[in-house]
Amino acid sequence: MKLLFNAFICTGLPGGFYADGAILVEGSTIKWIGPSSDLPDVAIGATRDDQNGKVVIPGLVNTHAHGGLSTHRGCCDDGDLFQWAKALAPHTASLTIDDNRRGSTLAAMDMIRAGITTACDCTRYGAGVFASVASEIGMRSLSGALANSPELRPNGRPNWPLALEETRQAISDNAGNGLCRFYLGAHSPYSCTPELLRAVKRGAEALGLPFTIHVAENLAENDLIAERYGRSPVAWLNDLGVLDGTSILAHCVWLDDADMDILAATGAGVAHNPASNAKLASGVAPIPALRRRGVPVGLGTDSTLSNNSLDIFQEMKLSVLLQRATTLDASILGAADAFSMATIEGARVLGWDREIGSLEPGKQADLVVLALEHPLGMTYERALSDIVYHAGPQHVRKVMIAGETVFDEGKLTRIDEAAVRSTIHRHYQCN
C-alpha cells in the first residue's frame, strides 16, 4: 500500500476537502481518504509519501481530443471551422497510421504532463492506436474512430466499415486492460448520411459501446442541416434515433431551447471545447443552460490544430471567462462549476464516473499533485480559485493513474521521453 499524507486534498465532491489530508492507495484503488489525524491502523506499514502541503486533485478528464494530429500543430491558425478544415486538408488527408501513432504519443505525453489522466480521443483511421500508446505510457483512454461518408467528406480514404473492424480488433487486443475503453462514432451530421449514422449507432449498440459525434459546432453547420433535412442537427440526430445516455456530443455551440430539452430527455452528454470554439470563431456554447437542465458537460481540448495546447486548466478558466464576457453576468459560472466539469462531470460524460472523476474509497487512484501555495495560506476557496484561474501544467508535480505514479517531478516514469521525442522530431525533419 501507498500513503500520500500531509496534503491539501480537493476530492472533487461538493465541499470535499481536507486541509491536512491523506490518501491510502491499495493496488489501483483508493482504500481510504480523510484527515491525517484519522488515519486507520491499516495504514501502518504503507509506503509513505510526504506531499509537504501540496494540493491533490482528481485526475483531469479530457472529453474530446484528436491526439493523432499533434504532429501538425500550428499548420493552420486562421479561419472559421470550414475555412480552417479546407486549409488543413493538404496537411492531414495523407497522414498514415504511423503518423497517427507518433501524434498520439506526443499528445499522451503532453496530457499526462498537464495532469490529464483520461482522454476521449478521436481519429479517422486506426481506432486502437491512441489506446495502445496511451496505455504504454500509463494513461487511461476512451478512444476510437469517427466514420464519415466519402460522398459528403471526400478528403482521404473511406473509413466505414473499416472503423467497425478496427474497433473490434482494438477491443480484442486490449482485453483485460483496465486503462482502455472504446467507442464507435461518426464525424458529424453534415459529413455522414442518415444511413451511415444509423449503421454506426447500431454497431455501437451491438458492441455495448458509447457513440461519439461532433454536433452544432458552427452556425453554418446548422444552416446546412436545416437546408438538407429541415431540422437542427440535434433534432435531426434525435429523429434518427442515435441520441441516448451513451452518446457523447462534442461542441454543441449552436443549440436552441428545444435542442437542449432533447439532450436532457435523452441523457446525452456534451464535450465542451471553449478554446477551440473561440479560435475557430464558432461561438460560446450555452453551458449554464445545459447544466441547469441536468445535461452532463465535460471539458475538452480538441486537437492541437484548433487549440495548440492540451491543457484542461486553460479550458477550466476559459469556460468561466467566456460565459461571463458574453453574458455580462459575473455569476453565471464559477470555479466550482469549472472544476466539476474537468473532473467528475467529465467522467460522467464518458460513462466512467463510477470509477474515476473524484477521490473517494473504491474508485481508481487517478490523482494529480500540484505545487500551489498562497501568500495568505491555503483554504478550500483559495485552492479552488488557484486550480481554475491560476494553475497550469507547470504546477503539476506528480500524476498517479490506477495507483501507479506515471509522472514524477518532471519525468514520465515508464518511458525515456527525451528519446521518444527526439525520434519523432528526427523523422519529420528527415522527410
Protein backbone atom coordinates (compact mmCIF):
# COMPACT_ATOMS: atom_id res chain seq x y z
CA MET A 1 0.00 0.00 0.00
CA LYS A 2 1.00 3.63 -0.56
CA LEU A 3 0.17 6.53 1.72
CA LEU A 4 0.14 10.11 0.46
CA PHE A 5 -0.02 12.38 3.50
CA ASN A 6 0.45 15.99 4.56
CA ALA A 7 -1.60 17.04 1.53
CA PHE A 8 -4.29 19.64 0.86
CA ILE A 9 -6.85 17.39 -0.79
CA CYS A 10 -9.70 18.54 -3.03
CA THR A 11 -11.77 15.42 -3.63
CA GLY A 12 -13.89 16.75 -6.48
CA LEU A 13 -17.04 16.26 -4.42
CA PRO A 14 -19.11 19.24 -3.18
CA GLY A 15 -17.35 20.69 -0.14
CA GLY A 16 -14.99 17.72 -0.07
CA PHE A 17 -11.55 18.84 1.07
CA TYR A 18 -9.01 18.06 3.77
CA ALA A 19 -6.52 20.77 4.76
CA ASP A 20 -4.18 18.14 6.24
CA GLY A 21 -5.30 15.08 4.34
CA ALA A 22 -4.09 11.64 3.46
CA ILE A 23 -4.91 9.08 0.79
CA LEU A 24 -4.25 5.37 1.20
CA VAL A 25 -3.86 3.54 -2.11
CA GLU A 26 -4.03 -0.23 -2.40
CA GLY A 27 -3.27 -1.62 -5.83
CA SER A 28 -5.14 0.52 -8.36
CA THR A 29 -7.78 1.88 -5.99
CA ILE A 30 -8.27 4.33 -3.16
CA LYS A 31 -8.71 2.37 0.06
CA TRP A 32 -9.16 5.33 2.43
CA ILE A 33 -9.13 9.13 2.29
CA GLY A 34 -9.55 11.67 5.06
CA PRO A 35 -7.80 13.84 7.66
CA SER A 36 -4.31 12.69 8.56
CA SER A 37 -5.37 12.66 12.22
CA ASP A 38 -7.89 9.90 11.43
CA LEU A 39 -5.53 7.51 9.65
CA PRO A 40 -6.73 3.93 10.10
CA ASP A 41 -4.50 1.24 11.58
CA VAL A 42 -4.32 -0.45 8.19
CA ALA A 43 -2.07 2.43 7.03
CA ILE A 44 0.70 1.18 9.32
CA GLY A 45 3.43 -0.28 7.16
CA ALA A 46 2.32 1.50 3.97
CA THR A 47 4.98 3.21 1.85
CA ARG A 48 4.78 6.84 2.96
CA ASP A 49 4.97 9.79 0.55
CA ASP A 50 5.02 13.21 2.22
CA GLN A 51 3.35 15.85 -0.01
CA ASN A 52 4.64 18.78 2.07
CA GLY A 53 1.32 20.62 1.85
CA LYS A 54 0.88 20.30 -1.92
CA VAL A 55 -2.63 20.29 -3.40
CA VAL A 56 -4.03 16.94 -4.55
CA ILE A 57 -6.92 16.80 -7.02
CA PRO A 58 -8.63 14.08 -9.07
CA GLY A 59 -7.04 13.35 -12.43
CA LEU A 60 -8.36 15.73 -15.08
CA VAL A 61 -10.65 14.32 -17.77
CA ASN A 62 -10.33 15.47 -21.38
CA THR A 63 -13.65 14.62 -23.03
CA HIS A 64 -12.63 15.45 -26.61
CA ALA A 65 -9.24 15.28 -28.32
CA HIS A 66 -7.60 14.32 -31.62
CA GLY A 67 -4.17 13.24 -30.42
CA GLY A 68 -3.06 11.75 -33.72
CA LEU A 69 -2.97 15.21 -35.32
CA SER A 70 -0.43 16.58 -32.84
CA THR A 71 2.48 16.39 -35.27
CA HIS A 72 0.97 19.23 -37.29
CA ARG A 73 0.31 21.74 -34.51
CA GLY A 74 0.04 25.31 -35.80
CA CYS A 75 -0.08 24.47 -39.51
CA CYS A 76 -3.31 26.48 -39.81
CA ASP A 77 -4.24 29.05 -37.18
CA ASP A 78 -6.86 31.12 -39.01
CA GLY A 79 -10.32 30.77 -40.48
CA ASP A 80 -13.65 29.51 -39.21
CA LEU A 81 -14.41 25.78 -38.98
CA PHE A 82 -14.97 25.16 -42.68
CA GLN A 83 -12.26 27.54 -43.94
CA TRP A 84 -9.81 26.03 -41.47
CA ALA A 85 -10.73 22.44 -42.40
CA LYS A 86 -10.24 23.19 -46.09
CA ALA A 87 -6.81 24.71 -45.43
CA LEU A 88 -5.85 21.69 -43.31
CA ALA A 89 -6.77 19.06 -45.88
CA PRO A 90 -3.44 19.10 -47.77
CA HIS A 91 -1.60 18.54 -44.46
CA THR A 92 -3.83 15.91 -42.86
CA ALA A 93 -5.52 13.92 -45.65
CA SER A 94 -2.37 11.88 -46.35
CA LEU A 95 -1.45 11.09 -42.72
CA THR A 96 -0.72 7.42 -42.14
CA ILE A 97 -1.31 5.09 -39.20
CA ASP A 98 2.33 5.65 -38.24
CA ASP A 99 1.72 9.42 -38.26
CA ASN A 100 -1.29 8.79 -36.02
CA ARG A 101 0.90 6.77 -33.65
CA ARG A 102 3.57 9.47 -33.47
CA GLY A 103 0.99 12.22 -32.91
CA SER A 104 -0.84 10.17 -30.31
CA THR A 105 2.42 9.56 -28.46
CA LEU A 106 3.17 13.29 -28.33
CA ALA A 107 -0.37 14.00 -27.19
CA ALA A 108 -0.38 11.38 -24.43
CA MET A 109 2.94 12.64 -23.06
CA ASP A 110 1.73 16.25 -23.09
CA MET A 111 -1.59 15.38 -21.49
CA ILE A 112 -0.05 13.45 -18.61
CA ARG A 113 2.35 16.35 -18.04
CA ALA A 114 -0.73 18.59 -17.85
CA GLY A 115 -2.47 16.43 -15.25
CA ILE A 116 -4.88 14.79 -17.70
CA THR A 117 -5.30 11.16 -16.66
CA THR A 118 -8.16 10.23 -19.02
CA ALA A 119 -8.87 11.34 -22.58
CA CYS A 120 -11.58 10.65 -25.12
CA ASP A 121 -9.57 10.58 -28.32
CA CYS A 122 -10.93 10.69 -31.87
CA THR A 123 -9.31 9.61 -35.10
CA ARG A 124 -10.33 8.74 -38.63
CA TYR A 125 -8.13 5.68 -39.14
CA GLY A 126 -6.51 3.43 -36.55
CA ALA A 127 -9.21 3.10 -33.89
CA GLY A 128 -6.85 1.34 -31.48
CA VAL A 129 -3.75 3.48 -31.92
CA PHE A 130 -4.29 6.05 -29.18
CA ALA A 131 -5.27 3.40 -26.64
CA SER A 132 -2.13 1.45 -27.47
CA VAL A 133 0.35 4.27 -26.99
CA ALA A 134 -1.51 5.87 -24.07
CA SER A 135 -1.69 2.67 -22.05
CA GLU A 136 2.02 2.04 -22.70
CA ILE A 137 2.73 5.39 -21.05
CA GLY A 138 0.18 4.62 -18.31
CA MET A 139 -2.72 6.84 -19.37
CA ARG A 140 -6.42 5.99 -19.36
CA SER A 141 -8.44 6.44 -22.56
CA LEU A 142 -11.82 6.13 -24.22
CA SER A 143 -10.94 6.10 -27.89
CA GLY A 144 -11.99 5.06 -31.36
CA ALA A 145 -12.68 6.25 -34.88
CA LEU A 146 -15.28 8.61 -36.36
CA ALA A 147 -16.88 7.29 -39.53
CA ASN A 148 -17.73 9.55 -42.44
CA SER A 149 -19.44 9.25 -45.81
CA PRO A 150 -17.00 9.74 -48.73
CA GLU A 151 -19.67 11.41 -50.85
CA LEU A 152 -20.03 14.12 -48.17
CA ARG A 153 -16.41 14.29 -46.93
CA PRO A 154 -14.24 13.27 -49.89
CA ASN A 155 -10.76 14.03 -48.48
CA GLY A 156 -8.97 10.82 -47.61
CA ARG A 157 -9.97 7.18 -47.92
CA PRO A 158 -13.42 5.86 -46.95
CA ASN A 159 -13.34 4.60 -43.36
CA TRP A 160 -16.55 2.57 -42.99
CA PRO A 161 -16.88 -0.31 -42.23
CA LEU A 162 -13.11 -0.14 -41.57
CA ALA A 163 -13.75 1.78 -38.34
CA LEU A 164 -16.01 -1.01 -37.12
CA GLU A 165 -13.45 -3.68 -37.97
CA GLU A 166 -10.63 -1.71 -36.30
CA THR A 167 -12.73 -1.18 -33.18
CA ARG A 168 -13.50 -4.88 -32.84
CA GLN A 169 -9.80 -5.64 -33.20
CA ALA A 170 -8.84 -2.97 -30.65
CA ILE A 171 -11.30 -4.41 -28.13
CA SER A 172 -9.81 -7.86 -28.64
CA ASP A 173 -6.22 -6.62 -28.46
CA ASN A 174 -6.87 -4.79 -25.18
CA ALA A 175 -8.97 -7.40 -23.40
CA GLY A 176 -8.26 -7.15 -19.69
CA ASN A 177 -6.54 -3.76 -19.96
CA GLY A 178 -8.40 -1.56 -17.48
CA LEU A 179 -6.88 1.61 -18.92
CA CYS A 180 -8.62 1.20 -22.30
CA ARG A 181 -12.23 1.62 -23.30
CA PHE A 182 -13.61 2.23 -26.77
CA TYR A 183 -16.49 3.94 -28.57
CA LEU A 184 -17.84 3.82 -32.10
CA GLY A 185 -18.50 7.22 -33.60
CA ALA A 186 -19.49 9.29 -36.61
CA HIS A 187 -17.81 12.53 -37.61
CA SER A 188 -20.82 14.85 -37.85
CA PRO A 189 -24.37 15.18 -39.20
CA TYR A 190 -23.06 17.12 -42.21
CA SER A 191 -20.38 14.58 -43.20
CA CYS A 192 -22.44 11.42 -42.67
CA THR A 193 -25.52 10.19 -44.49
CA PRO A 194 -28.57 9.20 -42.43
CA GLU A 195 -27.90 5.59 -43.36
CA LEU A 196 -24.35 5.75 -42.04
CA LEU A 197 -25.39 7.45 -38.80
CA ARG A 198 -27.90 4.70 -38.10
CA ALA A 199 -25.39 1.99 -39.02
CA VAL A 200 -22.74 3.39 -36.69
CA LYS A 201 -25.18 3.66 -33.82
CA ARG A 202 -26.36 0.08 -34.42
CA GLY A 203 -22.74 -1.05 -34.40
CA ALA A 204 -22.08 0.78 -31.13
CA GLU A 205 -25.15 -0.79 -29.53
CA ALA A 206 -24.20 -4.27 -30.71
CA LEU A 207 -20.76 -3.90 -29.10
CA GLY A 208 -22.09 -2.16 -25.99
CA LEU A 209 -20.07 0.99 -26.73
CA PRO A 210 -20.71 4.74 -26.45
CA PHE A 211 -21.50 6.73 -29.60
CA THR A 212 -19.48 9.90 -30.29
CA ILE A 213 -20.09 12.72 -32.79
CA HIS A 214 -19.35 16.42 -33.47
CA VAL A 215 -22.61 18.39 -33.31
CA ALA A 216 -23.71 22.01 -33.87
CA GLU A 217 -20.15 23.32 -33.80
CA ASN A 218 -20.62 26.11 -36.31
CA LEU A 219 -23.65 28.21 -37.29
CA ALA A 220 -23.11 27.33 -40.96
CA GLU A 221 -23.44 23.66 -39.98
CA ASN A 222 -26.89 24.34 -38.53
CA ASP A 223 -27.90 26.14 -41.70
CA LEU A 224 -26.65 23.27 -43.84
CA ILE A 225 -28.56 20.63 -41.85
CA ALA A 226 -31.69 22.78 -41.87
CA GLU A 227 -31.43 23.08 -45.65
CA ARG A 228 -30.94 19.32 -46.10
CA TYR A 229 -33.36 17.96 -43.53
CA GLY A 230 -35.45 20.84 -42.24
CA ARG A 231 -34.22 20.29 -38.69
CA SER A 232 -31.47 21.39 -36.33
CA PRO A 233 -28.50 18.99 -36.03
CA VAL A 234 -29.62 17.82 -32.58
CA ALA A 235 -33.25 17.36 -33.65
CA TRP A 236 -32.11 15.52 -36.78
CA LEU A 237 -29.93 13.12 -34.78
CA ASN A 238 -32.80 12.55 -32.38
CA ASP A 239 -35.13 11.77 -35.30
CA LEU A 240 -32.60 9.16 -36.44
CA GLY A 241 -32.61 7.55 -33.00
CA VAL A 242 -28.89 7.94 -32.28
CA LEU A 243 -29.15 10.00 -29.09
CA ASP A 244 -29.29 8.38 -25.68
CA GLY A 245 -27.39 8.19 -22.40
CA THR A 246 -24.35 6.65 -24.12
CA SER A 247 -24.00 9.48 -26.66
CA ILE A 248 -21.09 11.93 -26.36
CA LEU A 249 -21.66 15.13 -28.35
CA ALA A 250 -18.66 17.37 -28.99
CA HIS A 251 -19.10 21.16 -29.14
CA CYS A 252 -22.90 21.82 -29.12
CA VAL A 253 -22.36 25.55 -29.57
CA TRP A 254 -25.50 26.39 -31.55
CA LEU A 255 -28.42 24.99 -29.58
CA ASP A 256 -31.88 26.40 -29.00
CA ASP A 257 -34.15 25.56 -26.07
CA ALA A 258 -35.73 22.66 -27.93
CA ASP A 259 -32.31 21.18 -28.67
CA MET A 260 -31.28 21.42 -25.03
CA ASP A 261 -34.54 19.83 -23.93
CA ILE A 262 -33.82 16.93 -26.30
CA LEU A 263 -30.37 16.43 -24.78
CA ALA A 264 -31.81 16.49 -21.28
CA ALA A 265 -34.53 13.99 -22.21
CA THR A 266 -32.17 11.57 -23.96
CA GLY A 267 -29.40 11.74 -21.36
CA ALA A 268 -26.71 12.56 -23.91
CA GLY A 269 -23.52 14.20 -22.63
CA VAL A 270 -21.65 17.22 -24.02
CA ALA A 271 -17.90 17.69 -24.51
CA HIS A 272 -17.36 21.46 -24.24
CA ASN A 273 -14.26 22.85 -26.01
CA PRO A 274 -14.08 26.57 -25.18
CA ALA A 275 -10.59 27.30 -26.53
CA SER A 276 -11.17 25.51 -29.84
CA ASN A 277 -14.59 27.09 -30.27
CA ALA A 278 -13.09 30.53 -29.67
CA LYS A 279 -10.13 30.02 -32.00
CA LEU A 280 -12.37 28.94 -34.90
CA ALA A 281 -14.86 31.75 -34.22
CA SER A 282 -17.55 29.14 -33.63
CA GLY A 283 -19.11 30.87 -30.66
CA VAL A 284 -19.72 30.15 -26.98
CA ALA A 285 -21.80 27.12 -26.06
CA PRO A 286 -24.81 27.62 -23.73
CA ILE A 287 -23.19 25.66 -20.91
CA PRO A 288 -25.11 27.14 -17.95
CA ALA A 289 -28.45 26.42 -19.66
CA LEU A 290 -27.38 22.85 -20.40
CA ARG A 291 -26.24 22.22 -16.85
CA ARG A 292 -29.46 23.70 -15.41
CA ARG A 293 -31.31 21.04 -17.39
CA GLY A 294 -29.11 18.32 -15.91
CA VAL A 295 -27.16 17.63 -19.11
CA PRO A 296 -23.69 16.27 -18.20
CA VAL A 297 -20.98 18.61 -19.51
CA GLY A 298 -17.26 17.87 -19.54
CA LEU A 299 -14.32 19.86 -20.85
CA GLY A 300 -12.25 19.04 -23.92
CA THR A 301 -9.19 20.44 -25.60
CA ASP A 302 -9.99 19.31 -29.16
CA SER A 303 -6.83 18.96 -31.27
CA THR A 304 -3.62 20.96 -31.24
CA LEU A 305 -4.69 22.16 -34.70
CA SER A 306 -7.68 24.06 -33.31
CA ASN A 307 -6.28 24.80 -29.87
CA ASN A 308 -2.47 24.46 -29.99
CA SER A 309 -2.28 23.06 -26.45
CA LEU A 310 -3.68 20.14 -24.50
CA ASP A 311 -4.40 21.90 -21.24
CA ILE A 312 -7.58 21.38 -19.22
CA PHE A 313 -6.50 24.07 -16.75
CA GLN A 314 -6.83 26.53 -19.65
CA GLU A 315 -10.23 25.10 -20.54
CA MET A 316 -11.45 25.49 -16.96
CA LYS A 317 -10.51 29.15 -16.91
CA LEU A 318 -11.91 29.89 -20.36
CA SER A 319 -15.14 28.03 -19.62
CA VAL A 320 -15.88 30.60 -16.95
CA LEU A 321 -14.43 33.73 -18.55
CA LEU A 322 -16.11 33.32 -21.93
CA GLN A 323 -19.52 32.84 -20.32
CA ARG A 324 -19.09 35.98 -18.23
CA ALA A 325 -17.72 38.03 -21.12
CA THR A 326 -20.56 37.17 -23.48
CA THR A 327 -23.44 37.38 -20.99
CA LEU A 328 -22.15 40.28 -18.86
CA ASP A 329 -23.19 38.15 -15.89
CA ALA A 330 -20.33 37.66 -13.41
CA SER A 331 -22.17 34.95 -11.51
CA ILE A 332 -23.27 32.78 -14.44
CA LEU A 333 -20.47 30.23 -13.94
CA GLY A 334 -17.82 29.88 -11.24
CA ALA A 335 -14.70 27.99 -10.25
CA ALA A 336 -16.63 25.13 -8.63
CA ASP A 337 -18.56 24.60 -11.89
CA ALA A 338 -15.38 24.51 -13.97
CA PHE A 339 -13.61 22.13 -11.58
CA SER A 340 -16.59 19.80 -11.65
CA MET A 341 -16.67 19.79 -15.47
CA ALA A 342 -12.94 18.98 -15.54
CA THR A 343 -13.32 16.03 -13.18
CA ILE A 344 -16.49 14.22 -12.09
CA GLU A 345 -18.79 15.67 -14.76
CA GLY A 346 -16.29 14.86 -17.48
CA ALA A 347 -16.13 11.31 -16.17
CA ARG A 348 -19.94 11.18 -16.28
CA VAL A 349 -19.95 12.29 -19.93
CA LEU A 350 -17.63 9.37 -20.73
CA GLY A 351 -19.72 6.91 -18.71
CA TRP A 352 -16.79 6.33 -16.36
CA ASP A 353 -17.91 8.20 -13.22
CA ARG A 354 -18.29 5.08 -11.07
CA GLU A 355 -14.55 4.51 -11.32
CA ILE A 356 -12.91 7.93 -11.86
CA GLY A 357 -13.55 11.67 -11.58
CA SER A 358 -13.39 12.09 -7.80
CA LEU A 359 -11.21 10.94 -4.92
CA GLU A 360 -13.19 8.52 -2.76
CA PRO A 361 -12.77 4.99 -1.44
CA GLY A 362 -13.30 2.27 -4.02
CA LYS A 363 -12.54 4.48 -7.00
CA GLN A 364 -9.45 4.26 -9.14
CA ALA A 365 -6.42 6.07 -7.74
CA ASP A 366 -6.17 8.65 -10.53
CA LEU A 367 -4.83 11.85 -8.98
CA VAL A 368 -2.65 14.88 -9.60
CA VAL A 369 -0.33 16.64 -7.15
CA LEU A 370 0.03 20.40 -7.68
CA ALA A 371 2.73 22.66 -6.26
CA LEU A 372 0.44 25.54 -5.29
CA GLU A 373 0.95 27.93 -2.43
CA HIS A 374 -0.84 31.07 -1.35
CA PRO A 375 0.69 34.06 0.49
CA LEU A 376 -2.30 34.13 2.86
CA GLY A 377 -2.30 30.37 3.42
CA MET A 378 -4.31 27.74 1.62
CA THR A 379 -8.04 27.40 2.21
CA TYR A 380 -10.56 25.47 0.16
CA GLU A 381 -11.75 28.65 -1.54
CA ARG A 382 -8.18 29.72 -2.37
CA ALA A 383 -7.26 26.24 -3.58
CA LEU A 384 -10.31 26.11 -5.85
CA SER A 385 -9.57 29.60 -7.17
CA ASP A 386 -5.94 28.73 -7.87
CA ILE A 387 -6.82 25.43 -9.59
CA VAL A 388 -9.18 27.15 -12.04
CA TYR A 389 -7.75 30.65 -12.52
CA HIS A 390 -4.03 30.34 -11.73
CA ALA A 391 -2.72 26.80 -12.17
CA GLY A 392 -1.29 25.22 -15.28
CA PRO A 393 0.83 22.25 -16.35
CA GLN A 394 3.86 23.98 -14.82
CA HIS A 395 2.40 23.30 -11.37
CA VAL A 396 1.99 19.54 -11.89
CA ARG A 397 4.46 17.58 -9.76
CA LYS A 398 3.04 14.08 -9.69
CA VAL A 399 0.45 12.14 -11.68
CA MET A 400 -0.89 8.80 -10.49
CA ILE A 401 -3.13 6.62 -12.67
CA ALA A 402 -4.62 3.34 -11.41
CA GLY A 403 -2.35 3.60 -8.38
CA GLU A 404 0.85 3.90 -10.41
CA THR A 405 2.96 7.06 -10.46
CA VAL A 406 3.37 7.74 -14.18
CA PHE A 407 4.80 11.26 -13.84
CA ASP A 408 7.03 12.42 -11.02
CA GLU A 409 8.89 15.71 -10.64
CA GLY A 410 9.21 16.45 -14.33
CA LYS A 411 9.71 12.92 -15.64
CA LEU A 412 7.46 10.30 -17.19
CA THR A 413 8.27 7.10 -15.35
CA ARG A 414 7.54 4.44 -17.99
CA ILE A 415 9.45 5.77 -20.98
CA ASP A 416 12.52 7.76 -21.95
CA GLU A 417 10.57 10.84 -23.01
CA ALA A 418 13.54 12.74 -24.44
CA ALA A 419 14.50 9.80 -26.66
CA VAL A 420 10.91 9.31 -27.85
CA ARG A 421 10.50 12.99 -28.73
CA SER A 422 13.88 13.07 -30.47
CA THR A 423 12.96 10.07 -32.63
CA ILE A 424 9.65 11.64 -33.65
CA HIS A 425 11.17 15.03 -34.42
CA ARG A 426 14.02 13.47 -36.37
CA HIS A 427 11.56 11.51 -38.51
CA TYR A 428 9.77 14.65 -39.71
CA GLN A 429 12.93 16.71 -40.12
CA CYS A 430 14.39 14.00 -42.39
CA ASN A 431 11.26 13.59 -44.52
